[in-house]
Amino acid sequence: MSTTSRSDILKGSLAMAACAVLWSTAGLFIKLVPWHSLAVAGGRSLISFVFLLIVIRRPRFTFSGPQIGAALTNAVTMLLFVYANKATTSANAILLQYGSPIYVAIIGAVLLKEKPRAEHWAALAAVAVGMGLLFASGLGGGSTLGNLAAALAGLTFALYIVFMRMQKEGSPLESTILAHLLTAIVAFALLGLMDGRGGASFPRPADFSPIAIAAILGLGLLQVGLASVFFSYGIKRVSAIESTLIGVIEPVLNPVWVFLATREAPAGRALAGGLVIVLAVIGSSVVSARREARA
């Protein structure tokens, strides 16, 4: 492997890690916005849509199968994830969503012909152990619908990653732009429909507190906006399964943000689980890089 190729893989891995760090702020930010989940999802995506249009300036919409597939699965994932964070605990939402590495390993092997290697299977096993330790308290709390939404989000998120990887020779960021536009339209349309039937309502002026405004801007600009830029850059340079393994850093960091905001310290088993996951991801990446270098 050339020095340039190794450099691209390293840059891709770092970009995916930066993306995971930004993604990890979702639970905290969402909890700080006292709006209906549809209003949060729609507002976040509207802000991100405008941000990404400014960043990319001249998007290239081909409306190919992978581009549309990534947009649809990403939109569904965002709607499900925001709902899950409102309807169940943040820990449940993340734990259930992170069945995605297993789904990606299976779907990627079929559609992308990117078969997981020995180090990937070993890392998946270690991640499973780490997640078990990280959330040893189980699925206590939260609604059944919220837990189900989080589990479904894991499947749609896996499909999104595979569709994005299919665009490795193109510009996958356009799929994310379409996804945010679609999410905003669907979320606000459903919110208006529910409001007309005496259900959920749009945020009132009193709901726009400084904290809520800062949180929704953080969600739109950083948690999904800037994260999308990093993700689109990284997914072109690392395999689908590698990207999901790196992305597992997200649930490890969630308790960190909670601790910084509430001083709620993670339990010893949670810290042990986080360490197992980080070591598994690092180990898998190092072995893969050495394998490619020998090749």
C-alpha atoms as a PDB file:
ATOM      1  CA  MET A   1       0.000   0.000   0.000  1.00  0.00           C
ATOM      2  CA  SER A   2       1.307   3.455  -0.905  1.00  0.00           C
ATOM      3  CA  THR A   3       1.951   6.169   1.663  1.00  0.00           C
ATOM      4  CA  THR A   4      -0.923   8.133   0.134  1.00  0.00           C
ATOM      5  CA  SER A   5      -3.345   5.225   0.592  1.00  0.00           C
ATOM      6  CA  ARG A   6      -2.325   4.723   4.225  1.00  0.00           C
ATOM      7  CA  SER A   7      -2.691   8.460   4.787  1.00  0.00           C
ATOM      8  CA  ASP A   8      -6.198   8.415   3.289  1.00  0.00           C
ATOM      9  CA  ILE A   9      -7.255   5.536   5.544  1.00  0.00           C
ATOM     10  CA  LEU A  10      -5.861   7.318   8.598  1.00  0.00           C
ATOM     11  CA  LYS A  11      -7.628  10.557   7.662  1.00  0.00           C
ATOM     12  CA  GLY A  12     -10.841   8.625   7.056  1.00  0.00           C
ATOM     13  CA  SER A  13     -10.599   6.919  10.450  1.00  0.00           C
ATOM     14  CA  LEU A  14      -9.946  10.240  12.207  1.00  0.00           C
ATOM     15  CA  ALA A  15     -12.900  11.812  10.400  1.00  0.00           C
ATOM     16  CA  MET A  16     -15.176   8.976  11.512  1.00  0.00           C
ATOM     17  CA  ALA A  17     -13.922   9.359  15.084  1.00  0.00           C
ATOM     18  CA  ALA A  18     -14.649  13.111  15.003  1.00  0.00           C
ATOM     19  CA  CYS A  19     -18.104  12.309  13.651  1.00  0.00           C
ATOM     20  CA  ALA A  20     -18.741   9.870  16.510  1.00  0.00           C
ATOM     21  CA  VAL A  21     -17.716  12.508  19.067  1.00  0.00           C
ATOM     22  CA  LEU A  22     -20.232  14.970  17.612  1.00  0.00           C
ATOM     23  CA  TRP A  23     -22.954  12.317  17.351  1.00  0.00           C
ATOM     24  CA  SER A  24     -22.453  11.479  21.021  1.00  0.00           C
ATOM     25  CA  THR A  25     -23.890  14.859  22.097  1.00  0.00           C
ATOM     26  CA  ALA A  26     -27.360  13.966  20.751  1.00  0.00           C
ATOM     27  CA  GLY A  27     -28.923  12.594  23.929  1.00  0.00           C
ATOM     28  CA  LEU A  28     -27.827  15.546  26.052  1.00  0.00           C
ATOM     29  CA  PHE A  29     -28.911  18.205  23.548  1.00  0.00           C
ATOM     30  CA  ILE A  30     -32.265  16.545  22.825  1.00  0.00           C
ATOM     31  CA  LYS A  31     -33.104  16.366  26.524  1.00  0.00           C
ATOM     32  CA  LEU A  32     -32.460  20.129  26.806  1.00  0.00           C
ATOM     33  CA  VAL A  33     -35.088  21.007  24.192  1.00  0.00           C
ATOM     34  CA  PRO A  34     -38.586  20.845  25.778  1.00  0.00           C
ATOM     35  CA  TRP A  35     -40.378  20.311  22.458  1.00  0.00           C
ATOM     36  CA  HIS A  36     -42.247  17.409  20.927  1.00  0.00           C
ATOM     37  CA  SER A  37     -39.881  14.918  19.280  1.00  0.00           C
ATOM     38  CA  LEU A  38     -41.182  15.869  15.813  1.00  0.00           C
ATOM     39  CA  ALA A  39     -40.419  19.538  16.456  1.00  0.00           C
ATOM     40  CA  VAL A  40     -36.903  18.630  17.606  1.00  0.00           C
ATOM     41  CA  ALA A  41     -36.273  16.406  14.585  1.00  0.00           C
ATOM     42  CA  GLY A  42     -37.693  18.956  12.155  1.00  0.00           C
ATOM     43  CA  GLY A  43     -35.896  21.929  13.673  1.00  0.00           C
ATOM     44  CA  ARG A  44     -32.585  20.107  13.859  1.00  0.00           C
ATOM     45  CA  SER A  45     -32.783  18.949  10.251  1.00  0.00           C
ATOM     46  CA  LEU A  46     -33.889  22.346   8.939  1.00  0.00           C
ATOM     47  CA  ILE A  47     -30.873  24.017  10.542  1.00  0.00           C
ATOM     48  CA  SER A  48     -28.554  21.289   9.275  1.00  0.00           C
ATOM     49  CA  PHE A  49     -30.055  21.478   5.756  1.00  0.00           C
ATOM     50  CA  VAL A  50     -29.234  25.184   5.504  1.00  0.00           C
ATOM     51  CA  PHE A  51     -25.780  24.644   7.039  1.00  0.00           C
ATOM     52  CA  LEU A  52     -24.848  21.886   4.583  1.00  0.00           C
ATOM     53  CA  LEU A  53     -26.080  23.882   1.587  1.00  0.00           C
ATOM     54  CA  ILE A  54     -23.756  26.696   2.646  1.00  0.00           C
ATOM     55  CA  VAL A  55     -20.848  24.277   3.113  1.00  0.00           C
ATOM     56  CA  ILE A  56     -21.190  22.372  -0.154  1.00  0.00           C
ATOM     57  CA  ARG A  57     -22.438  25.368  -2.197  1.00  0.00           C
ATOM     58  CA  ARG A  58     -23.090  23.442  -5.413  1.00  0.00           C
ATOM     59  CA  PRO A  59     -24.613  20.076  -4.501  1.00  0.00           C
ATOM     60  CA  ARG A  60     -24.770  17.395  -7.197  1.00  0.00           C
ATOM     61  CA  PHE A  61     -28.057  15.551  -7.009  1.00  0.00           C
ATOM     62  CA  THR A  62     -27.981  12.480  -9.247  1.00  0.00           C
ATOM     63  CA  PHE A  63     -31.008  10.826  -7.609  1.00  0.00           C
ATOM     64  CA  SER A  64     -29.302   7.478  -8.057  1.00  0.00           C
ATOM     65  CA  GLY A  65     -30.455   4.434  -6.132  1.00  0.00           C
ATOM     66  CA  PRO A  66     -27.727   4.719  -3.448  1.00  0.00           C
ATOM     67  CA  GLN A  67     -28.251   8.489  -3.087  1.00  0.00           C
ATOM     68  CA  ILE A  68     -32.008   8.138  -2.598  1.00  0.00           C
ATOM     69  CA  GLY A  69     -31.586   5.019  -0.446  1.00  0.00           C
ATOM     70  CA  ALA A  70     -29.166   6.799   1.886  1.00  0.00           C
ATOM     71  CA  ALA A  71     -31.447   9.840   2.118  1.00  0.00           C
ATOM     72  CA  LEU A  72     -34.535   7.789   2.972  1.00  0.00           C
ATOM     73  CA  THR A  73     -32.852   5.514   5.535  1.00  0.00           C
ATOM     74  CA  ASN A  74     -31.087   8.458   7.188  1.00  0.00           C
ATOM     75  CA  ALA A  75     -34.351  10.404   7.450  1.00  0.00           C
ATOM     76  CA  VAL A  76     -36.140   7.431   9.030  1.00  0.00           C
ATOM     77  CA  THR A  77     -33.200   6.898  11.412  1.00  0.00           C
ATOM     78  CA  MET A  78     -33.270  10.519  12.581  1.00  0.00           C
ATOM     79  CA  LEU A  79     -37.028  10.496  13.182  1.00  0.00           C
ATOM     80  CA  LEU A  80     -36.852   7.192  15.077  1.00  0.00           C
ATOM     81  CA  PHE A  81     -33.812   8.214  17.134  1.00  0.00           C
ATOM     82  CA  VAL A  82     -35.237  11.558  18.273  1.00  0.00           C
ATOM     83  CA  TYR A  83     -38.516   9.880  19.200  1.00  0.00           C
ATOM     84  CA  ALA A  84     -36.636   7.158  21.105  1.00  0.00           C
ATOM     85  CA  ASN A  85     -34.656   9.746  23.073  1.00  0.00           C
ATOM     86  CA  LYS A  86     -37.917  11.367  24.149  1.00  0.00           C
ATOM     87  CA  ALA A  87     -39.851   8.138  24.790  1.00  0.00           C
ATOM     88  CA  THR A  88     -37.178   6.061  26.517  1.00  0.00           C
ATOM     89  CA  THR A  89     -33.904   6.592  28.341  1.00  0.00           C
ATOM     90  CA  SER A  90     -30.875   7.876  26.427  1.00  0.00           C
ATOM     91  CA  ALA A  91     -29.003   4.718  27.418  1.00  0.00           C
ATOM     92  CA  ASN A  92     -31.731   2.521  25.969  1.00  0.00           C
ATOM     93  CA  ALA A  93     -31.891   4.554  22.773  1.00  0.00           C
ATOM     94  CA  ILE A  94     -28.180   4.208  22.133  1.00  0.00           C
ATOM     95  CA  LEU A  95     -27.848   0.611  23.310  1.00  0.00           C
ATOM     96  CA  LEU A  96     -30.646  -0.620  21.054  1.00  0.00           C
ATOM     97  CA  GLN A  97     -29.477   1.403  18.066  1.00  0.00           C
ATOM     98  CA  TYR A  98     -26.007  -0.057  18.281  1.00  0.00           C
ATOM     99  CA  GLY A  99     -26.989  -3.413  16.923  1.00  0.00           C
ATOM    100  CA  SER A 100     -25.978  -1.644  13.691  1.00  0.00           C
ATOM    101  CA  PRO A 101     -22.407  -3.070  13.459  1.00  0.00           C
ATOM    102  CA  ILE A 102     -23.860  -6.574  13.212  1.00  0.00           C
ATOM    103  CA  TYR A 103     -26.350  -5.473  10.562  1.00  0.00           C
ATOM    104  CA  VAL A 104     -23.639  -3.683   8.586  1.00  0.00           C
ATOM    105  CA  ALA A 105     -21.395  -6.757   8.694  1.00  0.00           C
ATOM    106  CA  ILE A 106     -24.161  -8.864   7.151  1.00  0.00           C
ATOM    107  CA  ILE A 107     -25.613  -6.327   4.684  1.00  0.00           C
ATOM    108  CA  GLY A 108     -22.176  -5.030   3.663  1.00  0.00           C
ATOM    109  CA  ALA A 109     -20.953  -8.531   2.895  1.00  0.00           C
ATOM    110  CA  VAL A 110     -23.936  -9.080   0.578  1.00  0.00           C
ATOM    111  CA  LEU A 111     -24.278  -5.704  -1.133  1.00  0.00           C
ATOM    112  CA  LEU A 112     -20.754  -4.272  -0.971  1.00  0.00           C
ATOM    113  CA  LYS A 113     -18.747  -7.495  -1.062  1.00  0.00           C
ATOM    114  CA  GLU A 114     -16.793  -6.089   1.916  1.00  0.00           C
ATOM    115  CA  LYS A 115     -16.555  -9.242   3.975  1.00  0.00           C
ATOM    116  CA  PRO A 116     -15.619  -8.746   7.629  1.00  0.00           C
ATOM    117  CA  ARG A 117     -12.133  -9.972   8.469  1.00  0.00           C
ATOM    118  CA  ALA A 118     -11.055 -11.878  11.543  1.00  0.00           C
ATOM    119  CA  GLU A 119     -10.183  -8.671  13.427  1.00  0.00           C
ATOM    120  CA  HIS A 120     -13.620  -7.264  12.647  1.00  0.00           C
ATOM    121  CA  TRP A 121     -15.431 -10.309  14.025  1.00  0.00           C
ATOM    122  CA  ALA A 122     -13.208 -10.207  17.118  1.00  0.00           C
ATOM    123  CA  ALA A 123     -13.967  -6.506  17.542  1.00  0.00           C
ATOM    124  CA  LEU A 124     -17.708  -7.128  17.150  1.00  0.00           C
ATOM    125  CA  ALA A 125     -17.555  -9.721  19.915  1.00  0.00           C
ATOM    126  CA  ALA A 126     -15.606  -7.329  22.146  1.00  0.00           C
ATOM    127  CA  VAL A 127     -18.068  -4.528  21.397  1.00  0.00           C
ATOM    128  CA  ALA A 128     -20.938  -6.799  22.450  1.00  0.00           C
ATOM    129  CA  VAL A 129     -19.171  -7.501  25.755  1.00  0.00           C
ATOM    130  CA  GLY A 130     -18.389  -3.813  26.230  1.00  0.00           C
ATOM    131  CA  MET A 131     -21.965  -2.741  25.531  1.00  0.00           C
ATOM    132  CA  GLY A 132     -23.201  -5.312  28.018  1.00  0.00           C
ATOM    133  CA  LEU A 133     -20.926  -3.861  30.682  1.00  0.00           C
ATOM    134  CA  LEU A 134     -21.659  -0.272  29.669  1.00  0.00           C
ATOM    135  CA  PHE A 135     -25.386  -0.697  30.180  1.00  0.00           C
ATOM    136  CA  ALA A 136     -25.387  -3.498  32.722  1.00  0.00           C
ATOM    137  CA  SER A 137     -28.573  -2.102  34.223  1.00  0.00           C
ATOM    138  CA  GLY A 138     -30.439  -3.465  31.215  1.00  0.00           C
ATOM    139  CA  LEU A 139     -33.464  -1.885  29.531  1.00  0.00           C
ATOM    140  CA  GLY A 140     -35.119  -0.583  32.645  1.00  0.00           C
ATOM    141  CA  GLY A 141     -37.300   2.492  32.194  1.00  0.00           C
ATOM    142  CA  GLY A 142     -38.714   4.003  29.055  1.00  0.00           C
ATOM    143  CA  SER A 143     -41.695   2.979  26.953  1.00  0.00           C
ATOM    144  CA  THR A 144     -41.967  -0.136  24.832  1.00  0.00           C
ATOM    145  CA  LEU A 145     -42.561   1.984  21.729  1.00  0.00           C
ATOM    146  CA  GLY A 146     -39.464   4.033  22.523  1.00  0.00           C
ATOM    147  CA  ASN A 147     -37.336   0.899  22.867  1.00  0.00           C
ATOM    148  CA  LEU A 148     -38.774  -0.515  19.636  1.00  0.00           C
ATOM    149  CA  ALA A 149     -38.051   2.743  17.780  1.00  0.00           C
ATOM    150  CA  ALA A 150     -34.446   2.634  18.976  1.00  0.00           C
ATOM    151  CA  ALA A 151     -34.047  -0.969  17.833  1.00  0.00           C
ATOM    152  CA  LEU A 152     -35.475  -0.176  14.384  1.00  0.00           C
ATOM    153  CA  ALA A 153     -33.148   2.824  14.172  1.00  0.00           C
ATOM    154  CA  GLY A 154     -30.220   0.403  14.392  1.00  0.00           C
ATOM    155  CA  LEU A 155     -31.388  -1.390  11.249  1.00  0.00           C
ATOM    156  CA  THR A 156     -32.130   1.764   9.246  1.00  0.00           C
ATOM    157  CA  PHE A 157     -28.814   3.282  10.364  1.00  0.00           C
ATOM    158  CA  ALA A 158     -26.969   0.212   9.077  1.00  0.00           C
ATOM    159  CA  LEU A 159     -28.718   0.513   5.704  1.00  0.00           C
ATOM    160  CA  TYR A 160     -27.793   4.209   5.606  1.00  0.00           C
ATOM    161  CA  ILE A 161     -24.103   3.408   6.106  1.00  0.00           C
ATOM    162  CA  VAL A 162     -24.161   0.790   3.343  1.00  0.00           C
ATOM    163  CA  PHE A 163     -25.897   3.160   0.891  1.00  0.00           C
ATOM    164  CA  MET A 164     -23.385   5.900   1.735  1.00  0.00           C
ATOM    165  CA  ARG A 165     -20.476   3.498   1.190  1.00  0.00           C
ATOM    166  CA  MET A 166     -21.904   2.684  -2.251  1.00  0.00           C
ATOM    167  CA  GLN A 167     -21.149   6.294  -3.154  1.00  0.00           C
ATOM    168  CA  LYS A 168     -17.461   6.096  -2.251  1.00  0.00           C
ATOM    169  CA  GLU A 169     -16.506   7.165  -5.774  1.00  0.00           C
ATOM    170  CA  GLY A 170     -18.943  10.072  -5.731  1.00  0.00           C
ATOM    171  CA  SER A 171     -20.138  12.707  -3.271  1.00  0.00           C
ATOM    172  CA  PRO A 172     -22.260  11.116  -0.533  1.00  0.00           C
ATOM    173  CA  LEU A 173     -22.883  14.399   1.304  1.00  0.00           C
ATOM    174  CA  GLU A 174     -25.774  15.170  -1.053  1.00  0.00           C
ATOM    175  CA  SER A 175     -27.648  12.200   0.400  1.00  0.00           C
ATOM    176  CA  THR A 176     -27.450  13.807   3.818  1.00  0.00           C
ATOM    177  CA  ILE A 177     -28.747  17.118   2.474  1.00  0.00           C
ATOM    178  CA  LEU A 178     -31.744  15.329   0.960  1.00  0.00           C
ATOM    179  CA  ALA A 179     -32.253  13.395   4.206  1.00  0.00           C
ATOM    180  CA  HIS A 180     -32.456  16.574   6.287  1.00  0.00           C
ATOM    181  CA  LEU A 181     -34.852  18.222   3.848  1.00  0.00           C
ATOM    182  CA  LEU A 182     -37.070  15.133   3.889  1.00  0.00           C
ATOM    183  CA  THR A 183     -36.918  14.860   7.684  1.00  0.00           C
ATOM    184  CA  ALA A 184     -37.900  18.505   8.156  1.00  0.00           C
ATOM    185  CA  ILE A 185     -40.828  18.222   5.722  1.00  0.00           C
ATOM    186  CA  VAL A 186     -42.163  14.989   7.225  1.00  0.00           C
ATOM    187  CA  ALA A 187     -41.681  16.099  10.835  1.00  0.00           C
ATOM    188  CA  PHE A 188     -43.413  19.460  10.447  1.00  0.00           C
ATOM    189  CA  ALA A 189     -46.205  17.952   8.325  1.00  0.00           C
ATOM    190  CA  LEU A 190     -46.932  15.306  10.973  1.00  0.00           C
ATOM    191  CA  LEU A 191     -46.702  17.907  13.715  1.00  0.00           C
ATOM    192  CA  GLY A 192     -49.227  20.118  11.902  1.00  0.00           C
ATOM    193  CA  LEU A 193     -51.551  17.157  11.394  1.00  0.00           C
ATOM    194  CA  MET A 194     -51.374  16.187  15.063  1.00  0.00           C
ATOM    195  CA  ASP A 195     -51.852  19.813  16.109  1.00  0.00           C
ATOM    196  CA  GLY A 196     -54.998  20.034  14.005  1.00  0.00           C
ATOM    197  CA  ARG A 197     -56.403  17.041  15.868  1.00  0.00           C
ATOM    198  CA  GLY A 198     -55.726  18.499  19.285  1.00  0.00           C
ATOM    199  CA  GLY A 199     -52.482  16.594  19.800  1.00  0.00           C
ATOM    200  CA  ALA A 200     -48.911  17.818  19.801  1.00  0.00           C
ATOM    201  CA  SER A 201     -48.380  21.494  19.032  1.00  0.00           C
ATOM    202  CA  PHE A 202     -45.583  23.569  17.576  1.00  0.00           C
ATOM    203  CA  PRO A 203     -43.209  25.162  20.120  1.00  0.00           C
ATOM    204  CA  ARG A 204     -44.674  28.219  21.827  1.00  0.00           C
ATOM    205  CA  PRO A 205     -42.680  31.438  22.405  1.00  0.00           C
ATOM    206  CA  ALA A 206     -42.165  30.392  26.021  1.00  0.00           C
ATOM    207  CA  ASP A 207     -40.480  27.201  24.807  1.00  0.00           C
ATOM    208  CA  PHE A 208     -37.683  29.167  23.135  1.00  0.00           C
ATOM    209  CA  SER A 209     -35.528  29.617  26.212  1.00  0.00           C
ATOM    210  CA  PRO A 210     -31.823  30.443  25.774  1.00  0.00           C
ATOM    211  CA  ILE A 211     -30.954  26.855  26.694  1.00  0.00           C
ATOM    212  CA  ALA A 212     -33.440  25.412  24.189  1.00  0.00           C
ATOM    213  CA  ILE A 213     -32.197  27.699  21.409  1.00  0.00           C
ATOM    214  CA  ALA A 214     -28.556  26.852  22.136  1.00  0.00           C
ATOM    215  CA  ALA A 215     -29.372  23.126  22.233  1.00  0.00           C
ATOM    216  CA  ILE A 216     -31.314  23.087  18.932  1.00  0.00           C
ATOM    217  CA  LEU A 217     -28.528  25.072  17.246  1.00  0.00           C
ATOM    218  CA  GLY A 218     -25.993  22.639  18.676  1.00  0.00           C
ATOM    219  CA  LEU A 219     -28.022  19.739  17.281  1.00  0.00           C
ATOM    220  CA  GLY A 220     -28.349  21.245  13.817  1.00  0.00           C
ATOM    221  CA  LEU A 221     -24.919  22.794  13.343  1.00  0.00           C
ATOM    222  CA  LEU A 222     -22.666  20.399  15.251  1.00  0.00           C
ATOM    223  CA  GLN A 223     -24.351  17.123  16.208  1.00  0.00           C
ATOM    224  CA  VAL A 224     -25.617  16.345  12.696  1.00  0.00           C
ATOM    225  CA  GLY A 225     -24.392  19.242  10.509  1.00  0.00           C
ATOM    226  CA  LEU A 226     -20.634  19.196  10.992  1.00  0.00           C
ATOM    227  CA  ALA A 227     -20.800  15.473  11.821  1.00  0.00           C
ATOM    228  CA  SER A 228     -22.251  14.844   8.349  1.00  0.00           C
ATOM    229  CA  VAL A 229     -19.258  16.536   6.748  1.00  0.00           C
ATOM    230  CA  PHE A 230     -16.852  14.319   8.690  1.00  0.00           C
ATOM    231  CA  PHE A 231     -18.935  11.212   7.965  1.00  0.00           C
ATOM    232  CA  SER A 232     -19.124  11.862   4.216  1.00  0.00           C
ATOM    233  CA  TYR A 233     -15.355  12.351   4.113  1.00  0.00           C
ATOM    234  CA  GLY A 234     -14.581   9.263   6.192  1.00  0.00           C
ATOM    235  CA  ILE A 235     -17.005   6.784   4.587  1.00  0.00           C
ATOM    236  CA  LYS A 236     -15.193   7.180   1.254  1.00  0.00           C
ATOM    237  CA  ARG A 237     -11.912   6.059   2.841  1.00  0.00           C
ATOM    238  CA  VAL A 238     -12.809   3.267   5.273  1.00  0.00           C
ATOM    239  CA  SER A 239     -15.006   0.192   4.870  1.00  0.00           C
ATOM    240  CA  ALA A 240     -18.608   0.136   6.078  1.00  0.00           C
ATOM    241  CA  ILE A 241     -17.862  -2.264   8.936  1.00  0.00           C
ATOM    242  CA  GLU A 242     -14.806  -0.257  10.014  1.00  0.00           C
ATOM    243  CA  SER A 243     -16.876   2.926  10.074  1.00  0.00           C
ATOM    244  CA  THR A 244     -19.489   1.386  12.378  1.00  0.00           C
ATOM    245  CA  LEU A 245     -16.839   0.012  14.711  1.00  0.00           C
ATOM    246  CA  ILE A 246     -15.303   3.473  15.018  1.00  0.00           C
ATOM    247  CA  GLY A 247     -18.801   4.904  15.454  1.00  0.00           C
ATOM    248  CA  VAL A 248     -19.309   2.771  18.553  1.00  0.00           C
ATOM    249  CA  ILE A 249     -17.208   5.406  20.306  1.00  0.00           C
ATOM    250  CA  GLU A 250     -20.453   7.419  20.388  1.00  0.00           C
ATOM    251  CA  PRO A 251     -22.211   5.476  23.190  1.00  0.00           C
ATOM    252  CA  VAL A 252     -18.979   5.421  25.167  1.00  0.00           C
ATOM    253  CA  LEU A 253     -18.832   9.215  25.219  1.00  0.00           C
ATOM    254  CA  ASN A 254     -22.481   9.756  26.083  1.00  0.00           C
ATOM    255  CA  PRO A 255     -21.963   9.120  29.822  1.00  0.00           C
ATOM    256  CA  VAL A 256     -19.060  11.583  29.713  1.00  0.00           C
ATOM    257  CA  TRP A 257     -21.285  14.436  28.541  1.00  0.00           C
ATOM    258  CA  VAL A 258     -23.915  13.467  31.110  1.00  0.00           C
ATOM    259  CA  PHE A 259     -21.261  13.566  33.845  1.00  0.00           C
ATOM    260  CA  LEU A 260     -20.035  16.993  32.725  1.00  0.00           C
ATOM    261  CA  ALA A 261     -23.585  18.344  32.693  1.00  0.00           C
ATOM    262  CA  THR A 262     -25.044  16.652  35.780  1.00  0.00           C
ATOM    263  CA  ARG A 263     -22.017  15.272  37.661  1.00  0.00           C
ATOM    264  CA  GLU A 264     -23.617  11.849  37.461  1.00  0.00           C
ATOM    265  CA  ALA A 265     -20.556   9.583  37.485  1.00  0.00           C
ATOM    266  CA  PRO A 266     -20.660   6.351  35.442  1.00  0.00           C
ATOM    267  CA  ALA A 267     -20.488   3.111  37.395  1.00  0.00           C
ATOM    268  CA  GLY A 268     -17.351   1.013  37.435  1.00  0.00           C
ATOM    269  CA  ARG A 269     -18.820  -1.495  34.990  1.00  0.00           C
ATOM    270  CA  ALA A 270     -19.698   1.333  32.617  1.00  0.00           C
ATOM    271  CA  LEU A 271     -16.108   2.568  32.654  1.00  0.00           C
ATOM    272  CA  ALA A 272     -14.855  -0.980  32.073  1.00  0.00           C
ATOM    273  CA  GLY A 273     -17.269  -1.411  29.161  1.00  0.00           C
ATOM    274  CA  GLY A 274     -16.142   1.841  27.588  1.00  0.00           C
ATOM    275  CA  LEU A 275     -12.512   0.780  27.863  1.00  0.00           C
ATOM    276  CA  VAL A 276     -13.247  -2.589  26.224  1.00  0.00           C
ATOM    277  CA  ILE A 277     -14.999  -0.875  23.296  1.00  0.00           C
ATOM    278  CA  VAL A 278     -12.268   1.704  22.733  1.00  0.00           C
ATOM    279  CA  LEU A 279      -9.535  -0.956  22.835  1.00  0.00           C
ATOM    280  CA  ALA A 280     -11.529  -3.166  20.449  1.00  0.00           C
ATOM    281  CA  VAL A 281     -11.939  -0.351  17.931  1.00  0.00           C
ATOM    282  CA  ILE A 282      -8.286   0.691  18.154  1.00  0.00           C
ATOM    283  CA  GLY A 283      -7.079  -2.897  17.913  1.00  0.00           C
ATOM    284  CA  SER A 284      -9.243  -3.651  14.887  1.00  0.00           C
ATOM    285  CA  SER A 285      -8.087  -0.500  13.102  1.00  0.00           C
ATOM    286  CA  VAL A 286      -4.415  -1.193  13.778  1.00  0.00           C
ATOM    287  CA  VAL A 287      -4.617  -4.814  12.588  1.00  0.00           C
ATOM    288  CA  SER A 288      -6.506  -3.790   9.448  1.00  0.00           C
ATOM    289  CA  ALA A 289      -3.967  -1.069   8.665  1.00  0.00           C
ATOM    290  CA  ARG A 290      -1.059  -3.504   9.035  1.00  0.00           C
ATOM    291  CA  ARG A 291      -2.836  -6.079   6.882  1.00  0.00           C
ATOM    292  CA  GLU A 292      -3.352  -3.497   4.131  1.00  0.00           C
ATOM    293  CA  ALA A 293       0.256  -2.344   4.436  1.00  0.00           C
ATOM    294  CA  ARG A 294       1.534  -5.910   3.914  1.00  0.00           C
ATOM    295  CA  ALA A 295      -0.807  -6.306   0.939  1.00  0.00           C
END
